[in-house]
């Protein structure tokens, strides 16, 4: 009886294996194919990352943007390879894609503000309205750009205060880049008395500008009467200079022109009021 039972069990197992062999073989081949796709996807992801990195190095684009794009492309290829591998293993990929889409939507809604900063950071790094070291006025803050990240940009104010501004604030507003152009124009106004000689004042100002080597000859400076104000005749003075000389030239001209105008006999009036006191008996 025992031998018969063993033969029966062996026969049953043999029949079961005969029935399951095609399914197990097919499933095993699918698993091996899926694993092969995953391994191939890993190599392709690394190849894509290296290729994009080489392109960025040749074009000398921003390092932060390079890291973001290379990481994003690497994981996108891995996700595509994983979905393809699951499809080869017999998993319904439509449900997987639906789950990924729902998860992405939930994460996007939860991180809406952060993602807007990332999108703005990418746009700033691509279009480059300013670079590191530029002096800008953006987002209600003026300072020198210290770093441009994916979420925020760091500025150092002239009095050396560190300010971190979200990228969405910068990209969504007006950006003034004072360092972008090589030259800048100094706009100054000097008032002289109505009794002063306008010609003498203008010639004095022109002599000071001609004597300063920082004042550019092209574009040519401008000295003209801009306004007949309440208590003064206002002369506009607009010399051009290198951007690096802007503040030094402005500070020096403010003092030198005042001294030279006074030496030439011109007075610089200031608002004043006459008060008359009447004594009533």
Protein backbone atom coordinates (compact mmCIF):
# COMPACT_ATOMS: atom_id res chain seq x y z
CA UNK A 1 0.00 0.00 0.00
CA UNK A 2 2.79 2.39 0.85
CA UNK A 3 4.51 1.79 -2.50
CA UNK A 4 1.25 2.37 -4.32
CA UNK A 5 0.69 5.62 -2.43
CA UNK A 6 4.17 6.81 -3.34
CA UNK A 7 3.59 5.98 -6.97
CA UNK A 8 0.27 7.74 -6.89
CA UNK A 9 1.79 10.86 -5.33
CA UNK A 10 4.65 10.82 -7.81
CA UNK A 11 2.22 10.48 -10.65
CA UNK A 12 0.07 13.28 -9.36
CA UNK A 13 3.09 15.53 -8.97
CA UNK A 14 4.22 14.64 -12.46
CA UNK A 15 0.82 15.47 -13.87
CA UNK A 16 0.73 18.72 -11.91
CA UNK A 17 4.18 19.71 -13.19
CA UNK A 18 3.13 18.85 -16.72
CA UNK A 19 0.19 21.23 -16.35
CA UNK A 20 2.15 23.99 -14.59
CA UNK A 21 5.38 23.75 -16.59
CA UNK A 22 4.25 26.01 -19.47
CA UNK A 23 2.88 28.60 -17.05
CA UNK A 24 5.94 28.54 -14.80
CA UNK A 25 8.24 28.67 -17.81
CA UNK A 26 6.34 31.57 -19.32
CA UNK A 27 6.24 33.44 -15.98
CA UNK A 28 9.95 32.80 -15.40
CA UNK A 29 10.79 34.10 -18.86
CA UNK A 30 8.66 37.18 -18.20
CA UNK A 31 10.44 37.78 -14.89
CA UNK A 32 13.82 37.38 -16.56
CA UNK A 33 12.71 39.72 -19.35
CA UNK A 34 11.51 42.28 -16.82
CA UNK A 35 14.78 42.09 -14.94
CA UNK A 36 16.66 42.49 -18.21
CA UNK A 37 14.59 45.57 -19.01
CA UNK A 38 15.35 47.02 -15.57
CA UNK A 39 19.07 46.40 -15.98
CA UNK A 40 19.02 47.87 -19.49
CA UNK A 41 17.04 50.85 -18.20
CA UNK A 42 19.66 51.44 -15.51
CA UNK A 43 22.43 51.51 -18.11
CA UNK A 44 20.39 53.77 -20.41
CA UNK A 45 19.65 56.15 -17.51
CA UNK A 46 23.35 56.40 -16.70
CA UNK A 47 24.18 56.93 -20.38
CA UNK A 48 21.56 59.69 -20.69
CA UNK A 49 22.85 61.37 -17.52
CA UNK A 50 26.43 61.31 -18.80
CA UNK A 51 25.35 62.66 -22.19
CA UNK A 52 23.41 65.55 -20.71
CA UNK A 53 26.28 66.33 -18.36
CA UNK A 54 28.71 66.50 -21.30
CA UNK A 55 26.35 68.85 -23.15
CA UNK A 56 26.15 71.16 -20.14
CA UNK A 57 29.93 71.15 -19.76
CA UNK A 58 30.40 72.07 -23.42
CA UNK A 59 27.85 74.89 -23.23
CA UNK A 60 29.13 76.12 -19.82
CA UNK A 61 25.61 76.36 -18.40
CA UNK A 62 24.78 76.78 -14.72
CA UNK A 63 25.86 73.92 -12.44
CA UNK A 64 22.61 73.98 -10.46
CA UNK A 65 20.54 73.57 -13.63
CA UNK A 66 22.87 70.79 -14.75
CA UNK A 67 22.32 68.79 -11.55
CA UNK A 68 18.56 69.27 -11.72
CA UNK A 69 18.19 68.26 -15.39
CA UNK A 70 20.55 65.27 -15.10
CA UNK A 71 18.80 63.94 -11.99
CA UNK A 72 15.36 64.46 -13.52
CA UNK A 73 16.30 62.67 -16.76
CA UNK A 74 17.94 59.82 -14.84
CA UNK A 75 14.88 59.06 -12.73
CA UNK A 76 12.47 59.52 -15.63
CA UNK A 77 14.29 56.82 -17.59
CA UNK A 78 14.23 54.54 -14.54
CA UNK A 79 10.47 55.06 -14.10
CA UNK A 80 9.82 54.25 -17.76
CA UNK A 81 12.01 51.13 -17.48
CA UNK A 82 10.21 50.02 -14.31
CA UNK A 83 6.77 50.42 -15.94
CA UNK A 84 7.96 48.50 -19.02
CA UNK A 85 9.38 45.74 -16.80
CA UNK A 86 6.10 45.41 -14.88
CA UNK A 87 4.26 45.15 -18.19
CA UNK A 88 6.51 42.29 -19.29
CA UNK A 89 5.86 40.52 -15.99
CA UNK A 90 2.15 40.60 -16.66
CA UNK A 91 1.22 43.46 -14.34
CA UNK A 92 -1.51 45.74 -15.67
CA UNK A 93 0.46 48.91 -16.36
CA UNK A 94 -2.63 51.05 -16.84
CA UNK A 95 -3.44 50.81 -13.14
CA UNK A 96 0.20 51.52 -12.26
CA UNK A 97 0.23 54.61 -14.45
CA UNK A 98 -3.05 55.72 -12.90
CA UNK A 99 -1.58 55.32 -9.42
CA UNK A 100 1.54 57.25 -10.43
CA UNK A 101 -0.60 60.01 -11.92
CA UNK A 102 -2.74 60.27 -8.80
CA UNK A 103 0.33 60.30 -6.58
CA UNK A 104 1.95 62.97 -8.76
CA UNK A 105 -1.20 65.09 -8.60
CA UNK A 106 -1.38 64.78 -4.82
CA UNK A 107 2.29 65.67 -4.43
CA UNK A 108 1.88 68.57 -6.86
CA UNK A 109 -1.04 70.00 -4.91
CA UNK A 110 0.76 69.57 -1.60
CA UNK A 111 3.94 71.18 -2.89
CA UNK A 112 2.36 73.78 -5.16
CA UNK A 113 4.36 76.66 -3.71
CA UNK A 114 7.63 74.74 -3.74
CA UNK A 115 7.08 73.52 -7.30
CA UNK A 116 6.35 77.05 -8.47
CA UNK A 117 9.69 78.09 -6.99
CA UNK A 118 11.39 75.21 -8.79
CA UNK A 119 9.75 76.16 -12.10
CA UNK A 120 10.77 79.79 -11.60
CA UNK A 121 14.30 78.69 -10.68
CA UNK A 122 14.58 76.65 -13.88
CA UNK A 123 13.39 79.65 -15.94
CA UNK A 124 15.90 81.92 -14.19
CA UNK A 125 18.71 79.47 -14.88
CA UNK A 126 17.70 79.06 -18.55
CA UNK A 127 17.06 82.70 -19.50
CA UNK A 128 19.69 84.14 -17.10
CA UNK A 129 18.30 87.65 -16.44
CA UNK A 130 21.14 87.90 -13.92
CA UNK A 131 24.16 85.94 -12.81
CA UNK A 132 26.22 85.46 -9.70
CA UNK A 133 27.98 88.72 -8.83
CA UNK A 134 25.42 91.00 -10.52
CA UNK A 135 23.82 93.82 -8.57
CA UNK A 136 20.05 93.60 -9.05
CA UNK A 137 16.83 95.12 -7.79
CA UNK A 138 14.20 92.39 -7.85
CA UNK A 139 11.35 91.23 -5.68
CA UNK A 140 11.52 94.45 -3.67
CA UNK A 141 15.13 93.72 -2.68
CA UNK A 142 18.38 95.19 -3.98
CA UNK A 143 21.69 93.40 -3.59
CA UNK A 144 24.49 91.40 -5.16
CA UNK A 145 23.55 87.90 -6.30
CA UNK A 146 25.42 85.32 -4.25
CA UNK A 147 23.79 82.12 -5.56
CA UNK A 148 20.86 80.99 -7.69
CA UNK A 149 19.19 77.80 -6.47
CA UNK A 150 16.18 75.82 -7.59
CA UNK A 151 14.01 77.11 -4.76
CA UNK A 152 15.47 80.50 -3.84
CA UNK A 153 18.07 83.08 -4.78
CA UNK A 154 20.49 84.49 -2.21
CA UNK A 155 21.41 88.19 -2.26
CA UNK A 156 23.89 90.22 -0.24
CA UNK A 157 22.80 93.81 0.36
CA UNK A 158 25.32 96.70 0.20
CA UNK A 159 25.49 96.70 4.00
CA UNK A 160 26.30 92.94 3.87
CA UNK A 161 22.94 91.52 4.95
CA UNK A 162 22.14 88.09 3.52
CA UNK A 163 18.64 87.87 2.01
CA UNK A 164 17.00 84.72 0.60
CA UNK A 165 14.25 85.47 -1.93
CA UNK A 166 11.91 82.74 -3.34
CA UNK A 167 12.43 82.30 -7.06
CA UNK A 168 8.74 82.75 -7.83
CA UNK A 169 8.88 86.24 -6.30
CA UNK A 170 11.85 87.17 -8.48
CA UNK A 171 10.62 85.70 -11.74
CA UNK A 172 7.10 87.04 -11.29
CA UNK A 173 8.22 90.66 -10.92
CA UNK A 174 10.36 93.31 -12.53
CA UNK A 175 14.11 92.61 -12.46
CA UNK A 176 16.59 95.47 -12.72
CA UNK A 177 20.12 94.30 -13.44
CA UNK A 178 22.58 97.15 -12.82
CA UNK A 179 25.60 95.03 -13.80
CA UNK A 180 24.38 93.70 -17.13
CA UNK A 181 25.64 96.59 -19.30
CA UNK A 182 29.25 97.71 -19.32
CA UNK A 183 28.40 101.43 -19.11
CA UNK A 184 25.94 103.49 -17.09
CA UNK A 185 24.77 107.10 -17.02
CA UNK A 186 24.91 109.25 -13.92
CA UNK A 187 21.88 111.52 -13.67
CA UNK A 188 22.42 114.51 -11.38
CA UNK A 189 20.69 117.86 -10.93
CA UNK A 190 22.37 121.04 -9.66
CA UNK A 191 20.45 124.20 -8.88
CA UNK A 192 21.86 127.71 -9.26
CA UNK A 193 20.37 131.05 -8.33
CA UNK A 194 18.33 133.10 -10.80
CA UNK A 195 20.94 135.84 -10.40
CA UNK A 196 23.80 133.55 -11.50
CA UNK A 197 25.17 133.36 -15.04
CA UNK A 198 23.89 130.13 -16.61
CA UNK A 199 26.68 130.12 -19.20
CA UNK A 200 29.39 130.33 -16.53
CA UNK A 201 27.77 127.53 -14.55
CA UNK A 202 27.51 125.25 -17.60
CA UNK A 203 31.09 125.89 -18.68
CA UNK A 204 32.31 125.18 -15.15
CA UNK A 205 30.45 121.87 -15.10
CA UNK A 206 31.78 120.89 -18.54
CA UNK A 207 35.35 121.68 -17.46
CA UNK A 208 35.00 119.37 -14.46
CA UNK A 209 33.60 116.57 -16.63
CA UNK A 210 36.33 117.00 -19.24
CA UNK A 211 39.03 116.80 -16.57
CA UNK A 212 37.74 113.49 -15.12
CA UNK A 213 39.14 110.49 -17.00
CA UNK A 214 36.28 108.29 -15.81
CA UNK A 215 33.76 110.29 -17.87
CA UNK A 216 33.36 108.63 -21.27
CA UNK A 217 33.45 110.62 -24.48
CA UNK A 218 31.16 108.13 -26.22
CA UNK A 219 28.30 108.37 -25.41
CA UNK A 220 28.77 112.12 -24.90
CA UNK A 221 27.77 113.72 -21.62
CA UNK A 222 24.87 116.18 -21.39
CA UNK A 223 24.68 119.48 -19.51
CA UNK A 224 21.44 121.42 -19.99
CA UNK A 225 18.82 123.56 -18.24
CA UNK A 226 16.13 121.15 -17.14
CA UNK A 227 13.75 123.29 -15.08
CA UNK A 228 13.03 126.80 -13.89
CA UNK A 229 12.06 125.84 -10.37
CA UNK A 230 10.55 127.97 -7.60
CA UNK A 231 13.85 129.03 -6.09
CA UNK A 232 16.53 127.84 -8.53
CA UNK A 233 17.48 127.22 -12.13
CA UNK A 234 18.08 123.47 -12.30
CA UNK A 235 20.86 122.13 -14.51
CA UNK A 236 20.83 118.45 -15.44
CA UNK A 237 24.24 116.78 -15.60
CA UNK A 238 24.42 113.35 -17.28
CA UNK A 239 27.90 111.89 -17.76
CA UNK A 240 28.49 108.30 -18.92
CA UNK A 241 31.00 106.01 -17.25
CA UNK A 242 31.92 102.37 -16.80
CA UNK A 243 29.52 100.47 -14.56
CA UNK A 244 32.36 99.80 -12.12
CA UNK A 245 33.03 103.56 -11.78
CA UNK A 246 29.40 104.58 -11.25
CA UNK A 247 29.26 105.24 -7.52
CA UNK A 248 32.82 106.55 -7.15
CA UNK A 249 32.27 109.04 -9.98
CA UNK A 250 28.91 110.11 -8.60
CA UNK A 251 30.25 110.78 -5.12
CA UNK A 252 33.28 112.69 -6.42
CA UNK A 253 31.27 114.82 -8.85
CA UNK A 254 28.75 115.81 -6.20
CA UNK A 255 31.49 117.40 -4.12
CA UNK A 256 33.71 118.70 -6.93
CA UNK A 257 30.89 120.38 -8.85
CA UNK A 258 29.59 122.12 -5.72
CA UNK A 259 33.04 123.48 -4.91
CA UNK A 260 33.77 124.55 -8.49
CA UNK A 261 30.38 126.23 -8.94
CA UNK A 262 30.83 128.20 -5.74
CA UNK A 263 34.37 129.15 -6.79
CA UNK A 264 32.98 130.41 -10.11
CA UNK A 265 30.61 132.72 -8.24
CA UNK A 266 27.48 130.58 -8.57
CA UNK A 267 25.35 130.00 -5.51
CA UNK A 268 23.38 126.86 -4.85
CA UNK A 269 20.06 128.04 -3.39
CA UNK A 270 17.98 126.09 -0.93
CA UNK A 271 14.31 126.50 0.00
CA UNK A 272 13.74 129.22 2.54
CA UNK A 273 10.84 131.21 3.91
CA UNK A 274 10.60 134.84 4.94
CA UNK A 275 8.61 135.38 8.13
CA UNK A 276 7.21 138.87 8.80
CA UNK A 277 6.17 139.72 12.33
CA UNK A 278 3.71 142.56 12.76
CA UNK A 279 3.38 144.13 16.15
CA UNK A 280 -0.17 145.09 17.04
CA UNK A 281 -0.67 147.66 19.79
